[in-house]
Amino acid sequence: MSTETRTADWDIRTAGPADARHRALLLPGGLCTAEFYADVMAEPALADARLGLTAVTLPGFGRTPAPQDVSVENYARLLGRVAAERGCDLVVGQGLGSTVAIEMAVAGAFTGPLVLLSPSFSRNDEAPEFALLDRLGRVPGLGGAAWAVALRLFPRAVRDSLPPGRRDTLAAVLADNDPAFCHRALRHYYDHLDRHGSLVPRLCATALPAWVVRGEADDIGLTDGERRDLDACPSITLVPVPRAGHGVLVEQPARVAAIIAEAAARLG
């Protein structure tokens, strides 16, 4: 059974037993909210594992109040505190949520296993439409206007890739974002990627167990160098998921739940 709480500051959905031995913090991607974890949270594998679950919308998305500082580093600090307050010893991130999860680990705000769903490790990995929005956003006066158009078009463009029974709900979530906030958040996100070149060495240097989960049809790239570094890192497990694209979280919720349960089992 799951419960949902929306306060003035946080959009949070929880599930699992009150006396759970382990707890997972679930971070959705950009434009998404905790609603994107609903199907995974309902999977029997997680109920059988008696895993406590806390899905948290990154503040600012879904028209939740945004922090003044929307850098990846600040999100890592904020969500690190949530993980500590909620007793979470596993973090699952999707897309931008993966980037935040990696930064939490690098900064020492979290020291447990990570499950990274459809992560982008560098600017070159990202979808071209977001790179275009970033370029337009650096032209004075164009950022907010470009995002206003994108938020009308993008949900329609991806609607057919969403699960049939969930298309209307999830597409509405994607559309319900503030253009000015998205413009600001995307710029900080790309600045973060540009500062580090690739996040793979930073992830590997944490030595934390990490599962990198990618749909085999994901249109988010992975450079040859990143793949070599991932394969060579002893703490990282690459998990390809058939019949899934970038939306592996909603396309294959049973497989994602099984991976989360596997990561939780490693905690003992």
Foldseek 3Di string as FASTA:
>chain_A
DKDWDDDLAWTKIKDFDPPAPAEEEEEEAPLAALVLLVVLRPAVLCRVLRYIYMYIYQAQHLNRHHDPDLALLVSLQVVLVVCVVVVHQEYEYAESGLVSVLSVLLVVSHQAEYEYALYAFAPVQDDVVLVVLLVQLVPPPRNLVVQLVCLVPVLVVCLVVFPPVCSVVRSVSSSNGRRVSVSVNSNSVNVVRVVPVGSLVSSLVSLHAYEYEAEPAESRDADPVSVVSQVPRPRYHYHYDYPDYSSCCRRPSNVVSNVVSVRVVVVD
